[in-house]
Each structure stands twice: as C-alpha cells, then as structure tokens.
C-alpha cells in the first residue's frame, strides 16, 4: 500500500452539515411511517440498481 495521507481537519460547513444530517436521521427514525416510506424507497432503488448491474454488454 502507498503512504497514507494525513487526515485533514473538516471545514466548519462540513461539521454543520453532518450535524444537520444526524438530526434529520434521528427525526426519521422516531417517525415509524416516515421510516417505513424511506425504507420502501431504498428497497425500490436497490432493485433498480440490481437490474442495471445485471445488464450485459451487447456484442455487435
């Protein structure tokens, strides 16, 4: 493996964004209907990605 890159200090905006993301995630986890809708959408997207991954190249 190559030399490791020293860890950079996150910018203030990045810390603030992470904080907001965690707060929103907690809001979603505490709302059963909202969590169920998000999980359903995630499953649909996963199915779509699996279909894309299964596509084989067409030989011409």
C-alpha atoms as a PDB file:
ATOM      1  CA  UNK A   1       0.000   0.000   0.000  1.00  0.00           C
ATOM      2  CA  UNK A   2       1.077   3.583  -0.555  1.00  0.00           C
ATOM      3  CA  UNK A   3       1.848   6.216   2.012  1.00  0.00           C
ATOM      4  CA  UNK A   4      -1.179   7.306   3.968  1.00  0.00           C
ATOM      5  CA  UNK A   5      -2.481  10.813   3.523  1.00  0.00           C
ATOM      6  CA  UNK A   6      -2.643  12.809   6.744  1.00  0.00           C
ATOM      7  CA  UNK A   7      -6.202  13.366   7.940  1.00  0.00           C
ATOM      8  CA  UNK A   8      -7.475  16.820   7.139  1.00  0.00           C
ATOM      9  CA  UNK A   9      -9.466  18.913   9.528  1.00  0.00           C
ATOM     10  CA  UNK A  10     -13.086  19.173   8.384  1.00  0.00           C
ATOM     11  CA  UNK A  11     -14.347  22.600   7.428  1.00  0.00           C
ATOM     12  CA  UNK A  12     -16.939  24.298   9.616  1.00  0.00           C
ATOM     13  CA  UNK A  13     -19.621  23.915   6.940  1.00  0.00           C
ATOM     14  CA  UNK A  14     -18.930  20.168   6.765  1.00  0.00           C
ATOM     15  CA  UNK A  15     -19.327  19.778  10.524  1.00  0.00           C
ATOM     16  CA  UNK A  16     -22.570  21.765  10.428  1.00  0.00           C
ATOM     17  CA  UNK A  17     -23.869  19.657   7.535  1.00  0.00           C
ATOM     18  CA  UNK A  18     -23.008  16.431   9.367  1.00  0.00           C
ATOM     19  CA  UNK A  19     -24.834  17.707  12.454  1.00  0.00           C
ATOM     20  CA  UNK A  20     -27.950  18.505  10.404  1.00  0.00           C
ATOM     21  CA  UNK A  21     -27.779  15.106   8.698  1.00  0.00           C
ATOM     22  CA  UNK A  22     -27.639  13.305  12.041  1.00  0.00           C
ATOM     23  CA  UNK A  23     -30.533  15.378  13.390  1.00  0.00           C
ATOM     24  CA  UNK A  24     -32.664  14.570  10.327  1.00  0.00           C
ATOM     25  CA  UNK A  25     -31.793  10.873  10.562  1.00  0.00           C
ATOM     26  CA  UNK A  26     -32.964  10.832  14.175  1.00  0.00           C
ATOM     27  CA  UNK A  27     -36.219  12.574  13.201  1.00  0.00           C
ATOM     28  CA  UNK A  28     -36.839   9.890  10.580  1.00  0.00           C
ATOM     29  CA  UNK A  29     -36.002   7.020  12.975  1.00  0.00           C
ATOM     30  CA  UNK A  30     -38.519   8.360  15.515  1.00  0.00           C
ATOM     31  CA  UNK A  31     -41.356   8.547  12.947  1.00  0.00           C
ATOM     32  CA  UNK A  32     -42.424   4.975  12.071  1.00  0.00           C
ATOM     33  CA  UNK A  33     -44.406   5.967   8.965  1.00  0.00           C
ATOM     34  CA  UNK A  34     -41.630   8.159   7.616  1.00  0.00           C
ATOM     35  CA  UNK A  35     -39.034   5.459   8.309  1.00  0.00           C
ATOM     36  CA  UNK A  36     -41.168   2.828   6.566  1.00  0.00           C
ATOM     37  CA  UNK A  37     -41.558   5.052   3.484  1.00  0.00           C
ATOM     38  CA  UNK A  38     -37.821   5.713   3.337  1.00  0.00           C
ATOM     39  CA  UNK A  39     -37.000   2.014   3.694  1.00  0.00           C
ATOM     40  CA  UNK A  40     -39.520   1.121   0.985  1.00  0.00           C
ATOM     41  CA  UNK A  41     -37.962   3.672  -1.375  1.00  0.00           C
ATOM     42  CA  UNK A  42     -34.480   2.351  -0.582  1.00  0.00           C
ATOM     43  CA  UNK A  43     -35.609  -1.191  -1.460  1.00  0.00           C
ATOM     44  CA  UNK A  44     -37.063   0.066  -4.765  1.00  0.00           C
ATOM     45  CA  UNK A  45     -33.832   1.859  -5.644  1.00  0.00           C
ATOM     46  CA  UNK A  46     -31.814  -1.221  -4.728  1.00  0.00           C
ATOM     47  CA  UNK A  47     -33.954  -3.314  -7.094  1.00  0.00           C
ATOM     48  CA  UNK A  48     -33.333  -0.764  -9.869  1.00  0.00           C
ATOM     49  CA  UNK A  49     -29.576  -0.884  -9.278  1.00  0.00           C
ATOM     50  CA  UNK A  50     -29.586  -4.688  -9.306  1.00  0.00           C
ATOM     51  CA  UNK A  51     -31.283  -4.608 -12.720  1.00  0.00           C
ATOM     52  CA  UNK A  52     -28.650  -2.213 -14.034  1.00  0.00           C
ATOM     53  CA  UNK A  53     -25.856  -4.368 -12.618  1.00  0.00           C
ATOM     54  CA  UNK A  54     -27.323  -7.437 -14.362  1.00  0.00           C
ATOM     55  CA  UNK A  55     -27.202  -5.828 -17.815  1.00  0.00           C
ATOM     56  CA  UNK A  56     -24.649  -7.471 -20.079  1.00  0.00           C
ATOM     57  CA  UNK A  57     -22.943  -5.800 -22.995  1.00  0.00           C
ATOM     58  CA  UNK A  58     -24.478  -6.442 -26.392  1.00  0.00           C
ATOM     59  CA  UNK A  59     -21.985  -7.735 -28.946  1.00  0.00           C
ATOM     60  CA  UNK A  60     -22.315  -6.175 -32.389  1.00  0.00           C
END
